[in-house]
Amino acid sequence: MTDVPSTGSGTVIVAIDGPAGSGKSSVSKQVARRLGFGYLDTGAAYRALAWHALSHGTDTSDASSVLDVAGDFDFAISLDADAYWVRVGAVDVTEAIREPRVADAVSGVARVPAVRQSVNAMFRTLVEESGAPGVVVEGRDITTVVAPDAPVRVLLTAAPEVRAARRSAELTTQDAAAVAAALHRRDASDSSVVDFLTAAPGVTVVDSTDLDFEQTVEAVLAVVHTGLRQETGESHGD
């Protein structure tokens, strides 16, 4: 575990945003392990809600129907990077939410403003009640909406062709062209709701186009340590 300066302000949030294929999930997990922090995959909540809606036969393109089914969304997630699970009620959906049919439905539920507000509030509660010294929270609007005051905010990105190649390597049943097209569609759809391709003021960009996995982890850790040292220095100066 890497030594982390204490900010003296409760649970530390490391906020990481980025597009699909940028490596933010795998990198965030490893950063959390290295820091001894919890890990929160916010995208899993939207995927789980999409799974929940589909299991009820809900049309995920209809906002009112999504809101109706969200009313009984009983979501739970592990914040342990080494013992990760996602549940809806008593059902373990850790694997099911990665199915293509769920991925295709995610944008429909994620673009409903009332759903985002409710889910974002849930994320903040999960962090506050985690009992961990810190939590690495990754997603689309963590640096700007969920935790805009986090001491460490990172936009993890990579060139589109690199992101497509990485995702294609993960999904061995699909060719690179199909994966690239799917990533483009998802970026276009999701960016209509939140801008996760441009760093907001105060957000540090880590471009992993020319970095391997370990180099990317180290680059993010360097940002974390710089941010927490600055936060500690500021608190001491008050």
C-alpha atoms as a PDB file:
ATOM      1  CA  MET A   1       0.000   0.000   0.000  1.00  0.00           C
ATOM      2  CA  THR A   2       1.243   3.469  -0.900  1.00  0.00           C
ATOM      3  CA  ASP A   3       1.537   6.039   1.884  1.00  0.00           C
ATOM      4  CA  VAL A   4      -1.092   8.735   1.441  1.00  0.00           C
ATOM      5  CA  PRO A   5      -1.020  12.145   3.142  1.00  0.00           C
ATOM      6  CA  SER A   6      -4.062  12.648   5.351  1.00  0.00           C
ATOM      7  CA  THR A   7      -6.228  15.616   4.478  1.00  0.00           C
ATOM      8  CA  GLY A   8      -7.911  15.500   7.872  1.00  0.00           C
ATOM      9  CA  SER A   9     -11.291  15.928   6.213  1.00  0.00           C
ATOM     10  CA  GLY A  10     -12.851  12.463   6.286  1.00  0.00           C
ATOM     11  CA  THR A  11     -12.992  10.064   3.361  1.00  0.00           C
ATOM     12  CA  VAL A  12     -10.727  11.167   0.520  1.00  0.00           C
ATOM     13  CA  ILE A  13     -12.221  11.008  -2.967  1.00  0.00           C
ATOM     14  CA  VAL A  14     -10.099  10.369  -6.029  1.00  0.00           C
ATOM     15  CA  ALA A  15     -12.411  11.245  -8.918  1.00  0.00           C
ATOM     16  CA  ILE A  16     -11.639   9.687 -12.306  1.00  0.00           C
ATOM     17  CA  ASP A  17     -13.635  10.316 -15.470  1.00  0.00           C
ATOM     18  CA  GLY A  18     -13.092   9.066 -18.981  1.00  0.00           C
ATOM     19  CA  PRO A  19     -14.621   7.566 -22.107  1.00  0.00           C
ATOM     20  CA  ALA A  20     -15.175   3.880 -22.807  1.00  0.00           C
ATOM     21  CA  GLY A  21     -11.968   2.013 -23.542  1.00  0.00           C
ATOM     22  CA  SER A  22      -9.765   4.525 -21.746  1.00  0.00           C
ATOM     23  CA  GLY A  23      -8.882   1.901 -19.140  1.00  0.00           C
ATOM     24  CA  LYS A  24     -10.447   3.812 -16.270  1.00  0.00           C
ATOM     25  CA  SER A  25     -12.028   0.776 -14.591  1.00  0.00           C
ATOM     26  CA  SER A  26      -8.918  -1.423 -14.523  1.00  0.00           C
ATOM     27  CA  VAL A  27      -6.639   1.514 -13.728  1.00  0.00           C
ATOM     28  CA  SER A  28      -8.964   2.817 -11.000  1.00  0.00           C
ATOM     29  CA  LYS A  29      -9.102  -0.609  -9.367  1.00  0.00           C
ATOM     30  CA  GLN A  30      -5.323  -0.879  -9.307  1.00  0.00           C
ATOM     31  CA  VAL A  31      -4.914   2.667  -8.014  1.00  0.00           C
ATOM     32  CA  ALA A  32      -7.382   1.844  -5.230  1.00  0.00           C
ATOM     33  CA  ARG A  33      -5.400  -1.272  -4.321  1.00  0.00           C
ATOM     34  CA  ARG A  34      -2.120   0.633  -4.255  1.00  0.00           C
ATOM     35  CA  LEU A  35      -3.596   3.360  -2.054  1.00  0.00           C
ATOM     36  CA  GLY A  36      -5.546   1.035   0.237  1.00  0.00           C
ATOM     37  CA  PHE A  37      -8.737   2.834  -0.841  1.00  0.00           C
ATOM     38  CA  GLY A  38     -12.184   1.619  -1.749  1.00  0.00           C
ATOM     39  CA  TYR A  39     -13.249   1.473  -5.393  1.00  0.00           C
ATOM     40  CA  LEU A  40     -16.610   2.639  -6.751  1.00  0.00           C
ATOM     41  CA  ASP A  41     -17.617   1.838 -10.323  1.00  0.00           C
ATOM     42  CA  THR A  42     -20.457   4.300 -10.896  1.00  0.00           C
ATOM     43  CA  GLY A  43     -21.174   2.922 -14.357  1.00  0.00           C
ATOM     44  CA  ALA A  44     -22.226  -0.330 -12.715  1.00  0.00           C
ATOM     45  CA  ALA A  45     -25.176   1.448 -11.093  1.00  0.00           C
ATOM     46  CA  TYR A  46     -26.507   2.624 -14.442  1.00  0.00           C
ATOM     47  CA  ARG A  47     -25.908  -0.803 -15.944  1.00  0.00           C
ATOM     48  CA  ALA A  48     -27.694  -2.419 -13.009  1.00  0.00           C
ATOM     49  CA  LEU A  49     -30.641  -0.063 -13.429  1.00  0.00           C
ATOM     50  CA  ALA A  50     -30.746  -0.900 -17.135  1.00  0.00           C
ATOM     51  CA  TRP A  51     -30.728  -4.615 -16.234  1.00  0.00           C
ATOM     52  CA  HIS A  52     -33.499  -3.975 -13.692  1.00  0.00           C
ATOM     53  CA  ALA A  53     -35.569  -2.113 -16.296  1.00  0.00           C
ATOM     54  CA  LEU A  54     -35.087  -4.839 -18.900  1.00  0.00           C
ATOM     55  CA  SER A  55     -36.035  -7.533 -16.396  1.00  0.00           C
ATOM     56  CA  HIS A  56     -39.347  -5.697 -15.970  1.00  0.00           C
ATOM     57  CA  GLY A  57     -39.882  -5.392 -19.705  1.00  0.00           C
ATOM     58  CA  THR A  58     -39.460  -1.624 -19.536  1.00  0.00           C
ATOM     59  CA  ASP A  59     -38.848   0.472 -22.634  1.00  0.00           C
ATOM     60  CA  THR A  60     -35.581   2.151 -21.641  1.00  0.00           C
ATOM     61  CA  SER A  61     -36.044   4.820 -24.316  1.00  0.00           C
ATOM     62  CA  ASP A  62     -39.108   6.125 -22.448  1.00  0.00           C
ATOM     63  CA  ALA A  63     -38.107   8.422 -19.576  1.00  0.00           C
ATOM     64  CA  SER A  64     -41.356   8.072 -17.632  1.00  0.00           C
ATOM     65  CA  SER A  65     -41.166   4.276 -17.770  1.00  0.00           C
ATOM     66  CA  VAL A  66     -37.557   4.388 -16.562  1.00  0.00           C
ATOM     67  CA  LEU A  67     -38.575   6.616 -13.656  1.00  0.00           C
ATOM     68  CA  ASP A  68     -41.359   4.205 -12.724  1.00  0.00           C
ATOM     69  CA  VAL A  69     -39.082   1.175 -12.597  1.00  0.00           C
ATOM     70  CA  ALA A  70     -36.351   3.146 -10.788  1.00  0.00           C
ATOM     71  CA  GLY A  71     -38.716   3.538  -7.850  1.00  0.00           C
ATOM     72  CA  ASP A  72     -38.013   0.000  -6.634  1.00  0.00           C
ATOM     73  CA  PHE A  73     -34.365  -0.207  -7.664  1.00  0.00           C
ATOM     74  CA  ASP A  74     -32.678  -2.015  -4.752  1.00  0.00           C
ATOM     75  CA  PHE A  75     -29.001  -1.571  -5.593  1.00  0.00           C
ATOM     76  CA  ALA A  76     -25.914  -2.724  -3.692  1.00  0.00           C
ATOM     77  CA  ILE A  77     -22.254  -2.753  -4.718  1.00  0.00           C
ATOM     78  CA  SER A  78     -18.957  -3.808  -3.174  1.00  0.00           C
ATOM     79  CA  LEU A  79     -16.317  -1.124  -2.758  1.00  0.00           C
ATOM     80  CA  ASP A  80     -13.581  -3.761  -2.423  1.00  0.00           C
ATOM     81  CA  ALA A  81     -11.513  -3.926  -5.619  1.00  0.00           C
ATOM     82  CA  ASP A  82     -10.517  -7.508  -4.787  1.00  0.00           C
ATOM     83  CA  ALA A  83     -14.009  -8.726  -3.900  1.00  0.00           C
ATOM     84  CA  TYR A  84     -16.158  -6.887  -6.401  1.00  0.00           C
ATOM     85  CA  TRP A  85     -19.848  -7.645  -6.817  1.00  0.00           C
ATOM     86  CA  VAL A  86     -23.039  -5.898  -7.874  1.00  0.00           C
ATOM     87  CA  ARG A  87     -26.524  -6.854  -6.710  1.00  0.00           C
ATOM     88  CA  VAL A  88     -30.076  -5.829  -7.443  1.00  0.00           C
ATOM     89  CA  GLY A  89     -32.171  -7.078  -4.571  1.00  0.00           C
ATOM     90  CA  ALA A  90     -31.048 -10.648  -3.900  1.00  0.00           C
ATOM     91  CA  VAL A  91     -29.742 -11.163  -7.448  1.00  0.00           C
ATOM     92  CA  ASP A  92     -26.021 -11.046  -8.172  1.00  0.00           C
ATOM     93  CA  VAL A  93     -25.810  -9.174 -11.489  1.00  0.00           C
ATOM     94  CA  THR A  94     -22.028  -8.684 -11.599  1.00  0.00           C
ATOM     95  CA  GLU A  95     -21.712 -10.589 -14.883  1.00  0.00           C
ATOM     96  CA  ALA A  96     -25.197  -9.954 -16.272  1.00  0.00           C
ATOM     97  CA  ILE A  97     -24.741  -6.179 -16.432  1.00  0.00           C
ATOM     98  CA  ARG A  98     -21.879  -6.652 -18.909  1.00  0.00           C
ATOM     99  CA  GLU A  99     -24.122  -8.328 -21.480  1.00  0.00           C
ATOM    100  CA  PRO A 100     -24.513  -6.477 -24.813  1.00  0.00           C
ATOM    101  CA  ARG A 101     -28.277  -6.060 -24.365  1.00  0.00           C
ATOM    102  CA  VAL A 102     -27.650  -4.204 -21.097  1.00  0.00           C
ATOM    103  CA  ALA A 103     -24.890  -2.077 -22.586  1.00  0.00           C
ATOM    104  CA  ASP A 104     -27.271  -1.072 -25.375  1.00  0.00           C
ATOM    105  CA  ALA A 105     -29.866   0.063 -22.824  1.00  0.00           C
ATOM    106  CA  VAL A 106     -27.580   2.021 -20.475  1.00  0.00           C
ATOM    107  CA  SER A 107     -27.736   5.342 -22.276  1.00  0.00           C
ATOM    108  CA  GLY A 108     -31.539   5.272 -22.123  1.00  0.00           C
ATOM    109  CA  VAL A 109     -31.610   5.168 -18.324  1.00  0.00           C
ATOM    110  CA  ALA A 110     -28.541   7.364 -17.791  1.00  0.00           C
ATOM    111  CA  ARG A 111     -29.913  10.313 -19.759  1.00  0.00           C
ATOM    112  CA  VAL A 112     -32.925  10.804 -17.441  1.00  0.00           C
ATOM    113  CA  PRO A 113     -32.042  13.830 -15.225  1.00  0.00           C
ATOM    114  CA  ALA A 114     -34.056  12.681 -12.195  1.00  0.00           C
ATOM    115  CA  VAL A 115     -32.357   9.285 -12.343  1.00  0.00           C
ATOM    116  CA  ARG A 116     -28.914  10.871 -12.455  1.00  0.00           C
ATOM    117  CA  GLN A 117     -29.725  13.088  -9.473  1.00  0.00           C
ATOM    118  CA  SER A 118     -30.922  10.130  -7.424  1.00  0.00           C
ATOM    119  CA  VAL A 119     -28.019   7.884  -8.386  1.00  0.00           C
ATOM    120  CA  ASN A 120     -25.453  10.634  -7.768  1.00  0.00           C
ATOM    121  CA  ALA A 121     -26.831  11.151  -4.262  1.00  0.00           C
ATOM    122  CA  MET A 122     -26.497   7.407  -3.711  1.00  0.00           C
ATOM    123  CA  PHE A 123     -22.846   7.532  -4.785  1.00  0.00           C
ATOM    124  CA  ARG A 124     -22.073  10.244  -2.245  1.00  0.00           C
ATOM    125  CA  THR A 125     -23.760   8.208   0.487  1.00  0.00           C
ATOM    126  CA  LEU A 126     -21.792   5.089  -0.452  1.00  0.00           C
ATOM    127  CA  VAL A 127     -18.543   7.028  -0.133  1.00  0.00           C
ATOM    128  CA  GLU A 128     -19.509   8.674   3.151  1.00  0.00           C
ATOM    129  CA  GLU A 129     -20.556   5.359   4.691  1.00  0.00           C
ATOM    130  CA  SER A 130     -17.697   3.296   3.254  1.00  0.00           C
ATOM    131  CA  GLY A 131     -15.510   3.449   6.351  1.00  0.00           C
ATOM    132  CA  ALA A 132     -12.491   3.579   4.030  1.00  0.00           C
ATOM    133  CA  PRO A 133      -9.767   6.240   4.278  1.00  0.00           C
ATOM    134  CA  GLY A 134     -10.512   7.061   0.670  1.00  0.00           C
ATOM    135  CA  VAL A 135     -12.465   5.879  -2.369  1.00  0.00           C
ATOM    136  CA  VAL A 136     -11.467   5.947  -6.010  1.00  0.00           C
ATOM    137  CA  VAL A 137     -14.695   6.871  -7.791  1.00  0.00           C
ATOM    138  CA  GLU A 138     -14.759   6.429 -11.562  1.00  0.00           C
ATOM    139  CA  GLY A 139     -17.327   7.240 -14.199  1.00  0.00           C
ATOM    140  CA  ARG A 140     -18.479   9.990 -16.546  1.00  0.00           C
ATOM    141  CA  ASP A 141     -19.292  13.044 -14.421  1.00  0.00           C
ATOM    142  CA  ILE A 142     -17.459  12.373 -11.179  1.00  0.00           C
ATOM    143  CA  THR A 143     -15.030  15.285 -11.500  1.00  0.00           C
ATOM    144  CA  THR A 144     -17.780  17.772 -12.374  1.00  0.00           C
ATOM    145  CA  VAL A 145     -21.027  16.689 -10.698  1.00  0.00           C
ATOM    146  CA  VAL A 146     -20.614  13.881  -8.160  1.00  0.00           C
ATOM    147  CA  ALA A 147     -17.428  15.155  -6.491  1.00  0.00           C
ATOM    148  CA  PRO A 148     -16.428  18.528  -7.977  1.00  0.00           C
ATOM    149  CA  ASP A 149     -14.605  19.413  -4.751  1.00  0.00           C
ATOM    150  CA  ALA A 150     -12.536  16.210  -4.608  1.00  0.00           C
ATOM    151  CA  PRO A 151      -8.850  16.908  -3.837  1.00  0.00           C
ATOM    152  CA  VAL A 152      -7.863  14.751  -6.812  1.00  0.00           C
ATOM    153  CA  ARG A 153      -9.704  14.912 -10.121  1.00  0.00           C
ATOM    154  CA  VAL A 154      -8.454  13.102 -13.212  1.00  0.00           C
ATOM    155  CA  LEU A 155      -9.644  12.772 -16.798  1.00  0.00           C
ATOM    156  CA  LEU A 156      -8.203   9.524 -18.134  1.00  0.00           C
ATOM    157  CA  THR A 157      -8.260   9.382 -21.900  1.00  0.00           C
ATOM    158  CA  ALA A 158      -6.604   7.883 -24.961  1.00  0.00           C
ATOM    159  CA  ALA A 159      -6.801   8.259 -28.717  1.00  0.00           C
ATOM    160  CA  PRO A 160     -10.029   6.784 -30.185  1.00  0.00           C
ATOM    161  CA  GLU A 161      -8.203   4.136 -32.207  1.00  0.00           C
ATOM    162  CA  VAL A 162      -6.264   3.032 -29.117  1.00  0.00           C
ATOM    163  CA  ARG A 163      -9.435   2.817 -27.049  1.00  0.00           C
ATOM    164  CA  ALA A 164     -11.097   0.759 -29.771  1.00  0.00           C
ATOM    165  CA  ALA A 165      -8.124  -1.602 -30.007  1.00  0.00           C
ATOM    166  CA  ARG A 166      -8.075  -2.126 -26.241  1.00  0.00           C
ATOM    167  CA  ARG A 167     -11.810  -2.826 -26.091  1.00  0.00           C
ATOM    168  CA  SER A 168     -11.572  -5.149 -29.088  1.00  0.00           C
ATOM    169  CA  ALA A 169      -8.866  -7.139 -27.291  1.00  0.00           C
ATOM    170  CA  GLU A 170     -11.238  -7.552 -24.336  1.00  0.00           C
ATOM    171  CA  LEU A 171     -14.170  -8.576 -26.538  1.00  0.00           C
ATOM    172  CA  THR A 172     -12.627 -11.347 -28.605  1.00  0.00           C
ATOM    173  CA  THR A 173     -15.938 -12.172 -30.300  1.00  0.00           C
ATOM    174  CA  GLN A 174     -16.157  -8.790 -32.045  1.00  0.00           C
ATOM    175  CA  ASP A 175     -13.960  -7.302 -34.755  1.00  0.00           C
ATOM    176  CA  ALA A 176     -12.130  -4.025 -34.294  1.00  0.00           C
ATOM    177  CA  ALA A 177     -14.319  -2.103 -36.755  1.00  0.00           C
ATOM    178  CA  ALA A 178     -17.507  -3.106 -34.942  1.00  0.00           C
ATOM    179  CA  VAL A 179     -16.009  -2.197 -31.581  1.00  0.00           C
ATOM    180  CA  ALA A 180     -14.819   1.169 -32.883  1.00  0.00           C
ATOM    181  CA  ALA A 181     -18.285   1.918 -34.245  1.00  0.00           C
ATOM    182  CA  ALA A 182     -19.893   0.911 -30.935  1.00  0.00           C
ATOM    183  CA  LEU A 183     -17.486   3.138 -28.960  1.00  0.00           C
ATOM    184  CA  HIS A 184     -18.233   6.061 -31.262  1.00  0.00           C
ATOM    185  CA  ARG A 185     -21.990   5.589 -30.820  1.00  0.00           C
ATOM    186  CA  ARG A 186     -21.670   5.344 -27.050  1.00  0.00           C
ATOM    187  CA  ASP A 187     -19.426   8.411 -26.818  1.00  0.00           C
ATOM    188  CA  ALA A 188     -21.873  10.394 -28.962  1.00  0.00           C
ATOM    189  CA  SER A 189     -24.881   9.275 -26.929  1.00  0.00           C
ATOM    190  CA  ASP A 190     -23.322   9.763 -23.512  1.00  0.00           C
ATOM    191  CA  SER A 191     -21.723  13.099 -24.382  1.00  0.00           C
ATOM    192  CA  SER A 192     -25.203  14.467 -25.042  1.00  0.00           C
ATOM    193  CA  VAL A 193     -25.790  14.098 -21.299  1.00  0.00           C
ATOM    194  CA  VAL A 194     -22.386  14.961 -19.825  1.00  0.00           C
ATOM    195  CA  ASP A 195     -19.070  16.164 -21.256  1.00  0.00           C
ATOM    196  CA  PHE A 196     -16.545  13.500 -20.298  1.00  0.00           C
ATOM    197  CA  LEU A 197     -14.163  14.177 -23.177  1.00  0.00           C
ATOM    198  CA  THR A 198     -13.000  17.624 -22.041  1.00  0.00           C
ATOM    199  CA  ALA A 199     -11.271  18.315 -18.724  1.00  0.00           C
ATOM    200  CA  ALA A 200     -13.042  20.845 -16.521  1.00  0.00           C
ATOM    201  CA  PRO A 201     -10.959  23.531 -14.783  1.00  0.00           C
ATOM    202  CA  GLY A 202      -8.737  21.950 -12.137  1.00  0.00           C
ATOM    203  CA  VAL A 203      -8.972  18.457 -13.628  1.00  0.00           C
ATOM    204  CA  THR A 204      -5.685  16.801 -14.602  1.00  0.00           C
ATOM    205  CA  VAL A 205      -5.587  14.954 -17.916  1.00  0.00           C
ATOM    206  CA  VAL A 206      -3.761  11.621 -18.059  1.00  0.00           C
ATOM    207  CA  ASP A 207      -3.451  10.516 -21.693  1.00  0.00           C
ATOM    208  CA  SER A 208      -2.627   6.820 -21.831  1.00  0.00           C
ATOM    209  CA  THR A 209      -2.319   6.608 -25.621  1.00  0.00           C
ATOM    210  CA  ASP A 210       1.411   5.857 -25.406  1.00  0.00           C
ATOM    211  CA  LEU A 211       1.414   4.294 -21.932  1.00  0.00           C
ATOM    212  CA  ASP A 212       1.043   0.673 -20.905  1.00  0.00           C
ATOM    213  CA  PHE A 213      -1.150  -0.330 -17.977  1.00  0.00           C
ATOM    214  CA  GLU A 214       1.458   0.023 -15.224  1.00  0.00           C
ATOM    215  CA  GLN A 215       2.703   3.328 -16.593  1.00  0.00           C
ATOM    216  CA  THR A 216      -0.868   4.635 -16.589  1.00  0.00           C
ATOM    217  CA  VAL A 217      -1.363   3.523 -12.976  1.00  0.00           C
ATOM    218  CA  GLU A 218       1.859   5.264 -11.970  1.00  0.00           C
ATOM    219  CA  ALA A 219       0.816   8.435 -13.800  1.00  0.00           C
ATOM    220  CA  VAL A 220      -2.501   8.529 -11.946  1.00  0.00           C
ATOM    221  CA  LEU A 221      -0.802   7.810  -8.612  1.00  0.00           C
ATOM    222  CA  ALA A 222       1.547  10.736  -9.232  1.00  0.00           C
ATOM    223  CA  VAL A 223      -1.481  13.000  -9.708  1.00  0.00           C
ATOM    224  CA  VAL A 224      -3.039  11.608  -6.516  1.00  0.00           C
ATOM    225  CA  HIS A 225       0.040  12.305  -4.403  1.00  0.00           C
ATOM    226  CA  THR A 226       0.454  15.800  -5.841  1.00  0.00           C
ATOM    227  CA  GLY A 227      -3.197  16.609  -5.222  1.00  0.00           C
ATOM    228  CA  LEU A 228      -3.219  15.295  -1.670  1.00  0.00           C
ATOM    229  CA  ARG A 229       0.008  17.079  -0.786  1.00  0.00           C
ATOM    230  CA  GLN A 230      -1.496  20.327  -2.042  1.00  0.00           C
ATOM    231  CA  GLU A 231      -4.694  19.670  -0.117  1.00  0.00           C
ATOM    232  CA  THR A 232      -2.745  18.967   3.058  1.00  0.00           C
ATOM    233  CA  GLY A 233      -0.641  22.095   2.572  1.00  0.00           C
ATOM    234  CA  GLU A 234      -3.724  24.215   2.054  1.00  0.00           C
ATOM    235  CA  SER A 235      -5.396  22.848   5.160  1.00  0.00           C
ATOM    236  CA  HIS A 236      -2.289  23.549   7.208  1.00  0.00           C
ATOM    237  CA  GLY A 237      -2.216  27.101   5.899  1.00  0.00           C
ATOM    238  CA  ASP A 238      -5.758  27.934   7.031  1.00  0.00           C
END
